[in-house]
N, C-alpha and C. Protein backbone atom coordinates (compact mmCIF):
# COMPACT_ATOMS: atom_id res chain seq x y z
N UNK A 1 50.67 52.93 164.02
CA UNK A 1 49.78 52.81 162.87
C UNK A 1 48.96 51.53 162.93
N UNK A 2 49.09 50.78 164.03
CA UNK A 2 48.38 49.50 164.15
C UNK A 2 47.03 49.63 164.80
N UNK A 3 46.41 48.49 165.06
CA UNK A 3 45.06 48.49 165.60
C UNK A 3 45.00 47.84 166.98
N UNK A 4 44.54 46.59 167.04
CA UNK A 4 44.17 45.94 168.29
C UNK A 4 45.37 45.66 169.20
N UNK A 5 45.09 45.55 170.48
CA UNK A 5 46.09 45.23 171.50
C UNK A 5 46.90 44.01 171.09
N UNK A 6 48.21 44.15 171.09
CA UNK A 6 49.09 43.02 170.81
C UNK A 6 49.54 42.89 169.37
N UNK A 7 48.96 43.65 168.48
CA UNK A 7 49.36 43.51 167.08
C UNK A 7 50.80 43.99 166.87
N UNK A 8 51.57 43.12 166.22
CA UNK A 8 52.95 43.44 165.83
C UNK A 8 53.11 42.93 164.41
N UNK A 9 53.22 43.85 163.48
CA UNK A 9 53.14 43.47 162.07
C UNK A 9 54.38 43.94 161.31
N UNK A 10 54.85 43.06 160.44
CA UNK A 10 56.01 43.43 159.63
C UNK A 10 55.87 42.92 158.20
N UNK A 11 54.64 42.63 157.79
CA UNK A 11 54.33 42.30 156.40
C UNK A 11 53.18 43.19 155.93
N UNK A 12 53.35 43.83 154.81
CA UNK A 12 52.29 44.66 154.23
C UNK A 12 52.02 44.20 152.80
N UNK A 13 51.00 44.76 152.21
CA UNK A 13 50.77 44.53 150.78
C UNK A 13 51.88 45.20 149.96
N UNK A 14 52.09 44.70 148.75
CA UNK A 14 52.65 45.50 147.66
C UNK A 14 51.45 46.22 147.04
N UNK A 15 51.61 47.48 146.70
CA UNK A 15 50.45 48.26 146.29
C UNK A 15 50.70 49.07 145.02
N UNK A 16 49.67 49.12 144.20
CA UNK A 16 49.70 49.96 142.99
C UNK A 16 48.33 50.57 142.77
N UNK A 17 48.31 51.67 142.05
CA UNK A 17 47.06 52.28 141.63
C UNK A 17 46.90 52.11 140.13
N UNK A 18 45.69 51.81 139.71
CA UNK A 18 45.42 51.65 138.28
C UNK A 18 44.39 52.66 137.81
N UNK A 19 44.64 53.25 136.66
CA UNK A 19 43.72 54.23 136.08
C UNK A 19 43.27 53.77 134.70
N UNK A 20 41.97 53.85 134.47
CA UNK A 20 41.41 53.50 133.16
C UNK A 20 40.71 54.73 132.60
N UNK A 21 41.20 55.24 131.50
CA UNK A 21 40.57 56.37 130.82
C UNK A 21 39.75 55.83 129.65
N UNK A 22 38.46 56.10 129.66
CA UNK A 22 37.54 55.54 128.67
C UNK A 22 37.26 56.55 127.56
N UNK A 23 37.14 56.04 126.34
CA UNK A 23 36.94 56.89 125.16
C UNK A 23 35.76 56.35 124.36
N UNK A 24 34.61 56.99 124.51
CA UNK A 24 33.41 56.54 123.82
C UNK A 24 33.08 57.39 122.61
N UNK A 25 31.91 57.13 122.06
CA UNK A 25 31.39 57.90 120.93
C UNK A 25 29.97 58.31 121.26
N UNK A 26 29.74 59.62 121.32
CA UNK A 26 28.41 60.14 121.64
C UNK A 26 27.69 60.54 120.36
N UNK A 27 26.45 60.10 120.26
CA UNK A 27 25.64 60.43 119.10
C UNK A 27 24.18 60.41 119.55
N UNK A 28 23.32 61.08 118.85
CA UNK A 28 21.90 61.11 119.22
C UNK A 28 21.36 59.69 119.30
N UNK A 29 20.56 59.44 120.32
CA UNK A 29 20.04 58.08 120.52
C UNK A 29 19.20 57.59 119.34
N UNK A 30 18.62 58.53 118.62
CA UNK A 30 17.78 58.13 117.49
C UNK A 30 18.56 57.57 116.32
N UNK A 31 19.85 57.91 116.26
CA UNK A 31 20.69 57.42 115.15
C UNK A 31 21.93 56.70 115.69
N UNK A 32 21.80 56.12 116.88
CA UNK A 32 22.97 55.56 117.58
C UNK A 32 23.37 54.17 117.12
N UNK A 33 22.47 53.47 116.43
CA UNK A 33 22.76 52.07 116.10
C UNK A 33 24.06 51.94 115.30
N UNK A 34 24.94 51.08 115.81
CA UNK A 34 26.20 50.82 115.14
C UNK A 34 27.23 51.92 115.27
N UNK A 35 26.91 52.97 116.01
CA UNK A 35 27.82 54.12 116.12
C UNK A 35 28.19 54.41 117.58
N UNK A 36 27.17 54.53 118.43
CA UNK A 36 27.43 54.93 119.82
C UNK A 36 28.30 53.90 120.55
N UNK A 37 29.25 54.43 121.32
CA UNK A 37 30.01 53.62 122.28
C UNK A 37 29.87 54.32 123.62
N UNK A 38 29.14 53.71 124.52
CA UNK A 38 28.77 54.32 125.80
C UNK A 38 29.81 53.97 126.86
N UNK A 39 30.47 54.99 127.40
CA UNK A 39 31.53 54.75 128.38
C UNK A 39 31.03 54.09 129.66
N UNK A 40 29.78 54.31 130.01
CA UNK A 40 29.23 53.63 131.18
C UNK A 40 29.24 52.12 130.95
N UNK A 41 28.91 51.70 129.73
CA UNK A 41 28.95 50.28 129.39
C UNK A 41 30.39 49.78 129.31
N UNK A 42 31.28 50.61 128.77
CA UNK A 42 32.69 50.23 128.72
C UNK A 42 33.24 49.96 130.12
N UNK A 43 32.85 50.81 131.07
CA UNK A 43 33.31 50.64 132.45
C UNK A 43 32.86 49.30 133.01
N UNK A 44 31.61 48.95 132.77
CA UNK A 44 31.11 47.66 133.25
C UNK A 44 31.84 46.50 132.59
N UNK A 45 32.11 46.64 131.30
CA UNK A 45 32.80 45.58 130.58
C UNK A 45 34.23 45.41 131.07
N UNK A 46 34.92 46.53 131.31
CA UNK A 46 36.29 46.44 131.81
C UNK A 46 36.32 45.73 133.15
N UNK A 47 35.46 46.15 134.07
CA UNK A 47 35.47 45.56 135.40
C UNK A 47 35.14 44.07 135.34
N UNK A 48 34.27 43.69 134.41
CA UNK A 48 33.90 42.28 134.28
C UNK A 48 35.06 41.42 133.76
N UNK A 49 36.07 42.05 133.15
CA UNK A 49 37.23 41.31 132.68
C UNK A 49 38.18 40.93 133.82
N UNK A 50 38.05 41.57 134.96
CA UNK A 50 38.88 41.26 136.13
C UNK A 50 38.26 40.11 136.91
N UNK A 51 39.07 39.31 137.61
CA UNK A 51 38.53 38.16 138.35
C UNK A 51 37.57 38.61 139.45
N UNK A 52 36.33 38.14 139.38
CA UNK A 52 35.29 38.59 140.30
C UNK A 52 35.52 38.24 141.75
N UNK A 53 36.28 37.16 142.00
CA UNK A 53 36.52 36.75 143.39
C UNK A 53 37.70 37.49 144.01
N UNK A 54 38.51 38.16 143.19
CA UNK A 54 39.70 38.85 143.69
C UNK A 54 39.37 40.30 144.05
N UNK A 55 38.48 40.45 145.02
CA UNK A 55 38.07 41.76 145.53
C UNK A 55 38.14 41.71 147.05
N UNK A 56 38.23 42.86 147.73
CA UNK A 56 38.39 42.86 149.18
C UNK A 56 37.33 42.06 149.93
N UNK A 57 36.08 42.15 149.46
CA UNK A 57 34.99 41.50 150.19
C UNK A 57 34.97 39.99 150.05
N UNK A 58 35.84 39.44 149.20
CA UNK A 58 35.91 37.99 149.02
C UNK A 58 37.30 37.42 149.29
N UNK A 59 38.18 38.21 149.90
CA UNK A 59 39.54 37.75 150.16
C UNK A 59 39.94 38.01 151.61
N UNK A 60 40.97 37.29 152.06
CA UNK A 60 41.47 37.46 153.43
C UNK A 60 42.92 36.97 153.48
N UNK A 61 43.55 37.14 154.66
CA UNK A 61 44.92 36.66 154.82
C UNK A 61 45.87 37.29 153.82
N UNK A 62 46.57 36.42 153.09
CA UNK A 62 47.54 36.90 152.10
C UNK A 62 46.97 36.94 150.68
N UNK A 63 45.67 36.83 150.54
CA UNK A 63 45.05 36.89 149.22
C UNK A 63 44.98 38.34 148.74
N UNK A 64 45.47 38.58 147.53
CA UNK A 64 45.44 39.92 146.97
C UNK A 64 44.13 40.22 146.27
N UNK A 65 44.02 41.44 145.73
CA UNK A 65 42.76 41.83 145.11
C UNK A 65 42.92 43.03 144.19
N UNK A 66 41.86 43.28 143.42
CA UNK A 66 41.64 44.52 142.67
C UNK A 66 40.44 45.20 143.33
N UNK A 67 40.47 46.52 143.45
CA UNK A 67 39.31 47.23 143.98
C UNK A 67 39.03 48.48 143.16
N UNK A 68 37.82 48.57 142.65
CA UNK A 68 37.37 49.78 141.96
C UNK A 68 37.03 50.82 143.02
N UNK A 69 37.83 51.88 143.09
CA UNK A 69 37.68 52.89 144.13
C UNK A 69 36.69 53.99 143.74
N UNK A 70 36.71 54.36 142.46
CA UNK A 70 35.80 55.41 142.00
C UNK A 70 35.62 55.30 140.50
N UNK A 71 34.51 55.85 140.03
CA UNK A 71 34.20 55.79 138.61
C UNK A 71 33.31 56.97 138.25
N UNK A 72 33.63 57.62 137.13
CA UNK A 72 32.79 58.71 136.64
C UNK A 72 32.72 58.59 135.12
N UNK A 73 31.51 58.54 134.60
CA UNK A 73 31.37 58.39 133.15
C UNK A 73 30.29 59.30 132.59
N UNK A 74 30.49 59.71 131.34
CA UNK A 74 29.45 60.24 130.48
C UNK A 74 29.43 59.32 129.27
N UNK A 75 28.65 59.62 128.28
CA UNK A 75 28.60 58.72 127.13
C UNK A 75 29.96 58.62 126.45
N UNK A 76 30.61 59.75 126.23
CA UNK A 76 31.84 59.73 125.43
C UNK A 76 33.13 59.81 126.23
N UNK A 77 33.05 59.99 127.53
CA UNK A 77 34.26 60.02 128.36
C UNK A 77 34.02 59.29 129.67
N UNK A 78 35.09 58.85 130.28
CA UNK A 78 34.95 58.19 131.57
C UNK A 78 36.31 57.92 132.19
N UNK A 79 36.30 57.72 133.50
CA UNK A 79 37.54 57.41 134.21
C UNK A 79 37.23 56.48 135.37
N UNK A 80 38.07 55.46 135.54
CA UNK A 80 37.94 54.51 136.64
C UNK A 80 39.27 54.48 137.40
N UNK A 81 39.19 54.46 138.72
CA UNK A 81 40.38 54.39 139.56
C UNK A 81 40.35 53.13 140.40
N UNK A 82 41.40 52.35 140.31
CA UNK A 82 41.51 51.08 141.02
C UNK A 82 42.71 51.09 141.96
N UNK A 83 42.67 50.18 142.94
CA UNK A 83 43.88 49.82 143.67
C UNK A 83 44.13 48.34 143.44
N UNK A 84 45.41 47.98 143.40
CA UNK A 84 45.84 46.60 143.16
C UNK A 84 46.75 46.20 144.31
N UNK A 85 46.47 45.05 144.95
CA UNK A 85 47.20 44.67 146.15
C UNK A 85 47.57 43.19 146.16
N UNK A 86 48.77 42.88 146.66
CA UNK A 86 49.17 41.50 146.94
C UNK A 86 50.42 41.49 147.80
N UNK A 87 50.50 40.54 148.74
CA UNK A 87 51.70 40.42 149.58
C UNK A 87 52.87 39.85 148.79
N UNK A 88 52.58 38.91 147.90
CA UNK A 88 53.61 38.22 147.13
C UNK A 88 54.03 39.08 145.93
N UNK A 89 55.33 39.32 145.78
CA UNK A 89 55.82 40.21 144.72
C UNK A 89 55.49 39.67 143.33
N UNK A 90 55.65 38.35 143.13
CA UNK A 90 55.36 37.78 141.81
C UNK A 90 53.87 37.88 141.48
N UNK A 91 53.02 37.59 142.45
CA UNK A 91 51.58 37.70 142.23
C UNK A 91 51.17 39.15 142.00
N UNK A 92 51.85 40.06 142.69
CA UNK A 92 51.61 41.49 142.51
C UNK A 92 51.91 41.91 141.07
N UNK A 93 53.06 41.47 140.57
CA UNK A 93 53.43 41.80 139.19
C UNK A 93 52.44 41.17 138.21
N UNK A 94 51.99 39.95 138.52
CA UNK A 94 51.02 39.28 137.64
C UNK A 94 49.69 40.02 137.62
N UNK A 95 49.27 40.54 138.77
CA UNK A 95 48.01 41.29 138.83
C UNK A 95 48.09 42.57 138.01
N UNK A 96 49.22 43.25 138.08
CA UNK A 96 49.38 44.47 137.29
C UNK A 96 49.34 44.15 135.80
N UNK A 97 50.00 43.07 135.42
CA UNK A 97 50.00 42.67 134.01
C UNK A 97 48.59 42.29 133.55
N UNK A 98 47.85 41.60 134.42
CA UNK A 98 46.47 41.20 134.10
C UNK A 98 45.60 42.44 133.89
N UNK A 99 45.79 43.44 134.74
CA UNK A 99 45.03 44.69 134.66
C UNK A 99 45.29 45.39 133.33
N UNK A 100 46.55 45.47 132.95
CA UNK A 100 46.90 46.10 131.68
C UNK A 100 46.35 45.30 130.49
N UNK A 101 46.39 43.97 130.61
CA UNK A 101 45.88 43.12 129.54
C UNK A 101 44.38 43.29 129.37
N UNK A 102 43.67 43.55 130.47
CA UNK A 102 42.22 43.77 130.38
C UNK A 102 41.92 44.95 129.46
N UNK A 103 42.75 45.98 129.53
CA UNK A 103 42.57 47.13 128.64
C UNK A 103 42.80 46.76 127.19
N UNK A 104 43.83 45.97 126.94
CA UNK A 104 44.11 45.54 125.57
C UNK A 104 42.96 44.69 125.03
N UNK A 105 42.44 43.82 125.89
CA UNK A 105 41.33 42.95 125.48
C UNK A 105 40.11 43.77 125.09
N UNK A 106 39.79 44.78 125.89
CA UNK A 106 38.62 45.62 125.60
C UNK A 106 38.81 46.37 124.28
N UNK A 107 40.02 46.85 124.04
CA UNK A 107 40.29 47.53 122.77
C UNK A 107 40.15 46.57 121.59
N UNK A 108 40.58 45.33 121.78
CA UNK A 108 40.46 44.33 120.71
C UNK A 108 39.00 43.99 120.43
N UNK A 109 38.18 43.95 121.47
CA UNK A 109 36.75 43.66 121.28
C UNK A 109 36.11 44.71 120.37
N UNK A 110 36.49 45.98 120.56
CA UNK A 110 35.88 47.07 119.79
C UNK A 110 36.64 47.39 118.51
N UNK A 111 37.83 46.83 118.37
CA UNK A 111 38.61 47.11 117.18
C UNK A 111 39.12 48.53 117.10
N UNK A 112 39.20 49.19 118.23
CA UNK A 112 39.71 50.56 118.30
C UNK A 112 40.09 50.85 119.75
N UNK A 113 40.78 51.95 119.99
CA UNK A 113 41.16 52.28 121.36
C UNK A 113 39.99 52.93 122.10
N UNK A 114 39.33 52.13 122.92
CA UNK A 114 38.23 52.65 123.73
C UNK A 114 38.66 52.87 125.17
N UNK A 115 39.88 52.42 125.51
CA UNK A 115 40.37 52.68 126.86
C UNK A 115 41.89 52.76 126.85
N UNK A 116 42.39 53.56 127.77
CA UNK A 116 43.83 53.69 127.99
C UNK A 116 44.08 53.36 129.45
N UNK A 117 44.95 52.38 129.70
CA UNK A 117 45.15 51.87 131.06
C UNK A 117 46.58 52.15 131.52
N UNK A 118 46.72 52.62 132.75
CA UNK A 118 48.05 52.85 133.32
C UNK A 118 48.08 52.32 134.75
N UNK A 119 49.27 51.96 135.20
CA UNK A 119 49.48 51.43 136.55
C UNK A 119 50.68 52.14 137.17
N UNK A 120 50.55 52.52 138.43
CA UNK A 120 51.66 53.18 139.13
C UNK A 120 51.83 52.56 140.51
N UNK A 121 53.05 52.10 140.80
CA UNK A 121 53.33 51.52 142.11
C UNK A 121 53.20 52.58 143.20
N UNK A 122 52.71 52.13 144.38
CA UNK A 122 52.50 53.05 145.50
C UNK A 122 53.43 52.74 146.68
N UNK A 123 53.48 51.49 147.10
CA UNK A 123 54.42 51.07 148.15
C UNK A 123 54.63 49.56 148.04
N UNK A 124 55.60 49.06 148.82
CA UNK A 124 55.97 47.64 148.72
C UNK A 124 55.93 46.96 150.08
N UNK A 125 55.92 45.65 150.06
CA UNK A 125 55.87 44.84 151.28
C UNK A 125 57.14 45.05 152.10
N UNK A 126 56.99 45.64 153.29
CA UNK A 126 58.17 45.96 154.09
C UNK A 126 58.91 44.72 154.58
N UNK A 127 58.27 43.55 154.49
CA UNK A 127 58.94 42.31 154.90
C UNK A 127 60.18 42.06 154.05
N UNK A 128 60.17 42.51 152.82
CA UNK A 128 61.33 42.33 151.95
C UNK A 128 62.57 43.00 152.51
N UNK A 129 62.38 44.02 153.34
CA UNK A 129 63.49 44.69 154.02
C UNK A 129 63.70 44.11 155.41
N UNK A 130 62.60 43.93 156.14
CA UNK A 130 62.69 43.55 157.56
C UNK A 130 63.18 42.12 157.75
N UNK A 131 62.93 41.23 156.79
CA UNK A 131 63.35 39.82 156.94
C UNK A 131 64.85 39.69 157.17
N UNK A 132 65.62 40.66 156.72
CA UNK A 132 67.07 40.64 156.93
C UNK A 132 67.48 41.53 158.11
N UNK A 133 66.50 42.08 158.80
CA UNK A 133 66.77 42.98 159.94
C UNK A 133 65.75 42.71 161.05
N UNK A 134 65.67 41.45 161.49
CA UNK A 134 64.61 41.05 162.43
C UNK A 134 64.83 41.54 163.86
N UNK A 135 65.96 42.18 164.14
CA UNK A 135 66.21 42.67 165.49
C UNK A 135 65.12 43.65 165.93
N UNK A 136 64.65 44.48 165.01
CA UNK A 136 63.62 45.47 165.36
C UNK A 136 62.32 44.76 165.78
N UNK A 137 62.01 43.65 165.15
CA UNK A 137 60.82 42.87 165.51
C UNK A 137 61.03 42.20 166.87
N UNK A 138 62.22 41.66 167.08
CA UNK A 138 62.51 40.97 168.34
C UNK A 138 62.46 41.93 169.52
N UNK A 139 62.93 43.15 169.32
CA UNK A 139 62.86 44.16 170.39
C UNK A 139 61.41 44.50 170.71
N UNK A 140 60.59 44.66 169.68
CA UNK A 140 59.17 44.97 169.89
C UNK A 140 58.46 43.83 170.60
N UNK A 141 58.79 42.59 170.23
CA UNK A 141 58.20 41.43 170.91
C UNK A 141 58.57 41.43 172.39
N UNK A 142 59.85 41.67 172.68
CA UNK A 142 60.31 41.68 174.07
C UNK A 142 59.62 42.79 174.86
N UNK A 143 59.42 43.95 174.23
CA UNK A 143 58.76 45.07 174.89
C UNK A 143 57.31 44.75 175.20
N UNK A 144 56.64 44.06 174.30
CA UNK A 144 55.25 43.66 174.53
C UNK A 144 55.16 42.63 175.65
N UNK A 145 56.03 41.64 175.60
CA UNK A 145 56.00 40.59 176.62
C UNK A 145 56.30 41.17 178.00
N UNK A 146 57.18 42.16 178.06
CA UNK A 146 57.48 42.83 179.33
C UNK A 146 56.26 43.54 179.88
N UNK A 147 55.36 43.97 178.97
CA UNK A 147 54.12 44.64 179.37
C UNK A 147 52.98 43.64 179.59
N UNK A 148 53.31 42.35 179.52
CA UNK A 148 52.29 41.32 179.74
C UNK A 148 51.39 41.09 178.54
N UNK A 149 51.88 41.41 177.36
CA UNK A 149 51.09 41.30 176.13
C UNK A 149 51.67 40.21 175.24
N UNK A 150 50.82 39.37 174.72
CA UNK A 150 51.25 38.35 173.75
C UNK A 150 51.22 38.95 172.35
N UNK A 151 52.36 39.03 171.67
CA UNK A 151 52.37 39.61 170.32
C UNK A 151 51.53 38.80 169.33
N UNK A 152 50.81 39.50 168.48
CA UNK A 152 50.02 38.89 167.41
C UNK A 152 50.64 39.33 166.09
N UNK A 153 51.27 38.38 165.40
CA UNK A 153 52.01 38.72 164.18
C UNK A 153 51.29 38.18 162.95
N UNK A 154 50.44 38.99 162.37
CA UNK A 154 49.71 38.64 161.15
C UNK A 154 50.07 39.63 160.06
N UNK A 155 49.99 39.22 158.79
CA UNK A 155 50.24 40.17 157.70
C UNK A 155 49.16 41.25 157.67
N UNK A 156 49.57 42.47 157.39
CA UNK A 156 48.62 43.58 157.29
C UNK A 156 47.97 43.55 155.91
N UNK A 157 46.66 43.66 155.89
CA UNK A 157 45.96 43.78 154.60
C UNK A 157 45.84 45.26 154.25
N UNK A 158 46.99 45.86 154.10
CA UNK A 158 47.07 47.27 153.80
C UNK A 158 48.52 47.69 153.83
N UNK A 159 48.74 48.97 154.03
CA UNK A 159 50.10 49.48 154.13
C UNK A 159 50.22 50.38 155.34
N UNK A 160 51.43 50.74 155.68
CA UNK A 160 51.68 51.62 156.82
C UNK A 160 52.75 52.64 156.44
N UNK A 161 52.91 53.63 157.30
CA UNK A 161 54.03 54.55 157.11
C UNK A 161 55.34 53.78 157.06
N UNK A 162 55.40 52.71 157.87
CA UNK A 162 56.60 51.89 157.92
C UNK A 162 56.94 51.21 156.61
N UNK A 163 55.95 51.03 155.74
CA UNK A 163 56.21 50.43 154.44
C UNK A 163 57.24 51.25 153.67
N UNK A 164 57.01 52.55 153.59
CA UNK A 164 57.93 53.41 152.85
C UNK A 164 59.20 53.70 153.65
N UNK A 165 59.06 53.87 154.97
CA UNK A 165 60.23 54.17 155.80
C UNK A 165 61.22 53.02 155.75
N UNK A 166 60.71 51.79 155.74
CA UNK A 166 61.59 50.62 155.69
C UNK A 166 62.44 50.64 154.42
N UNK A 167 61.83 51.02 153.30
CA UNK A 167 62.57 51.07 152.05
C UNK A 167 63.46 52.30 151.94
N UNK A 168 63.36 53.19 152.93
CA UNK A 168 64.27 54.34 153.00
C UNK A 168 65.49 54.02 153.87
N UNK A 169 65.55 52.77 154.36
CA UNK A 169 66.72 52.34 155.12
C UNK A 169 66.52 52.19 156.60
N UNK A 170 65.29 52.40 157.09
CA UNK A 170 65.01 52.25 158.52
C UNK A 170 63.91 51.20 158.69
N UNK A 171 64.26 49.94 158.94
CA UNK A 171 63.24 48.89 159.12
C UNK A 171 62.24 49.29 160.20
N UNK A 172 60.96 49.33 159.84
CA UNK A 172 59.94 49.90 160.73
C UNK A 172 58.71 49.00 160.83
N UNK A 173 58.74 48.02 161.73
CA UNK A 173 57.53 47.20 161.94
C UNK A 173 56.43 48.03 162.57
N UNK A 174 55.26 47.47 162.62
CA UNK A 174 54.06 48.18 163.06
C UNK A 174 53.61 47.64 164.42
N UNK A 175 53.33 48.52 165.37
CA UNK A 175 52.77 48.06 166.65
C UNK A 175 51.38 48.66 166.84
N UNK A 176 50.63 48.03 167.72
CA UNK A 176 49.24 48.43 167.96
C UNK A 176 49.15 49.84 168.55
N UNK A 177 48.00 50.48 168.34
CA UNK A 177 47.75 51.81 168.92
C UNK A 177 46.47 51.84 169.76
N UNK A 178 45.69 50.76 169.71
CA UNK A 178 44.44 50.74 170.46
C UNK A 178 43.23 51.17 169.65
N UNK A 179 43.42 51.31 168.35
CA UNK A 179 42.32 51.70 167.46
C UNK A 179 41.66 50.45 166.89
N UNK A 180 40.36 50.50 166.69
CA UNK A 180 39.61 49.38 166.10
C UNK A 180 38.80 49.89 164.91
N UNK A 181 38.56 49.00 163.95
CA UNK A 181 37.70 49.30 162.79
C UNK A 181 38.17 50.53 162.01
N UNK A 182 39.47 50.55 161.72
CA UNK A 182 40.06 51.71 161.05
C UNK A 182 39.39 52.03 159.71
N UNK A 183 39.31 53.31 159.42
CA UNK A 183 38.83 53.83 158.13
C UNK A 183 37.38 53.47 157.85
N UNK A 184 36.58 53.37 158.89
CA UNK A 184 35.16 53.08 158.70
C UNK A 184 34.31 53.90 159.65
N UNK A 185 33.02 53.81 159.48
CA UNK A 185 32.09 54.58 160.31
C UNK A 185 32.11 54.15 161.78
N UNK A 186 32.59 52.93 162.03
CA UNK A 186 32.57 52.40 163.39
C UNK A 186 33.95 52.43 164.05
N UNK A 187 34.84 53.27 163.53
CA UNK A 187 36.18 53.40 164.12
C UNK A 187 36.08 53.97 165.54
N UNK A 188 36.90 53.40 166.43
CA UNK A 188 36.97 53.93 167.80
C UNK A 188 38.34 53.59 168.38
N UNK A 189 38.68 54.23 169.50
CA UNK A 189 39.95 53.96 170.18
C UNK A 189 39.66 53.55 171.62
N UNK A 190 40.41 52.57 172.10
CA UNK A 190 40.28 52.10 173.49
C UNK A 190 41.40 52.73 174.31
N UNK A 191 41.04 53.53 175.30
CA UNK A 191 42.03 54.25 176.11
C UNK A 191 42.95 53.28 176.83
N UNK A 192 42.41 52.19 177.37
CA UNK A 192 43.25 51.21 178.08
C UNK A 192 44.31 50.63 177.15
N UNK A 193 43.93 50.32 175.91
CA UNK A 193 44.89 49.78 174.95
C UNK A 193 45.90 50.84 174.52
N UNK A 194 45.45 52.09 174.43
CA UNK A 194 46.37 53.18 174.10
C UNK A 194 47.44 53.33 175.19
N UNK A 195 47.03 53.18 176.44
CA UNK A 195 47.99 53.26 177.54
C UNK A 195 49.01 52.12 177.45
N UNK A 196 48.52 50.93 177.05
CA UNK A 196 49.42 49.79 176.89
C UNK A 196 50.42 50.05 175.75
N UNK A 197 49.97 50.72 174.71
CA UNK A 197 50.86 51.06 173.60
C UNK A 197 51.99 51.98 174.08
N UNK A 198 51.63 52.94 174.93
CA UNK A 198 52.64 53.84 175.50
C UNK A 198 53.64 53.04 176.34
N UNK A 199 53.12 52.10 177.13
CA UNK A 199 53.99 51.26 177.96
C UNK A 199 54.97 50.47 177.09
N UNK A 200 54.48 49.95 175.99
CA UNK A 200 55.35 49.19 175.07
C UNK A 200 56.43 50.09 174.48
N UNK A 201 56.05 51.30 174.10
CA UNK A 201 57.03 52.23 173.52
C UNK A 201 58.12 52.57 174.54
N UNK A 202 57.72 52.80 175.79
CA UNK A 202 58.70 53.08 176.85
C UNK A 202 59.62 51.88 177.04
N UNK A 203 59.05 50.68 176.98
CA UNK A 203 59.86 49.46 177.11
C UNK A 203 60.87 49.34 175.98
N UNK A 204 60.45 49.69 174.76
CA UNK A 204 61.36 49.65 173.62
C UNK A 204 62.55 50.58 173.86
N UNK A 205 62.26 51.79 174.34
CA UNK A 205 63.33 52.76 174.61
C UNK A 205 64.29 52.21 175.66
N UNK A 206 63.75 51.62 176.72
CA UNK A 206 64.59 51.10 177.80
C UNK A 206 65.42 49.91 177.36
N UNK A 207 64.84 49.05 176.53
CA UNK A 207 65.58 47.89 176.02
C UNK A 207 66.75 48.34 175.16
N UNK A 208 66.53 49.41 174.41
CA UNK A 208 67.54 49.87 173.46
C UNK A 208 68.57 50.83 174.06
N UNK A 209 68.42 51.14 175.37
CA UNK A 209 69.38 52.06 176.00
C UNK A 209 70.79 51.47 176.00
């Protein structure tokens, strides 16, 4: 599930999804003064309550973020879908609380319930499991070094299948696959790096025999 040659990762984000259901008031524009509540405007106001610098395009390394994934509004109804991410469990919990508080703040501004906010956890940082089971990482490092590859151990700014598998009782670090620019228009795979990934996997099997 990894990318570039040499990547060996055992830290992922903690992840949650956030949903904002907007409740506006639709009325003819000619008599709208003091009555209309436009959900398109509510959506902009809600997003503005979140920290503007805590978004993917302004963060890196272990910095977490909020991301508005999709939004659909009419005057009287609307829905926004977010993802919430952080490597640190305490900061992750704080971000979820901040997100929920933004909904309360918007309701207080209008003096009525104009939005309903919910948060649902998606996956957790697999390092919380792997830190007590580092043998799997050490085996992967040895397998890479045997293939002439220097392991690159950086935190993943995302999640992997191993995130959930680790919490199911099988510590599962992430190794490279030879893919670059994942989940974008410029995604590609390098055959030479893919062959190296196969070599590493064979080495892991032989080390563990």
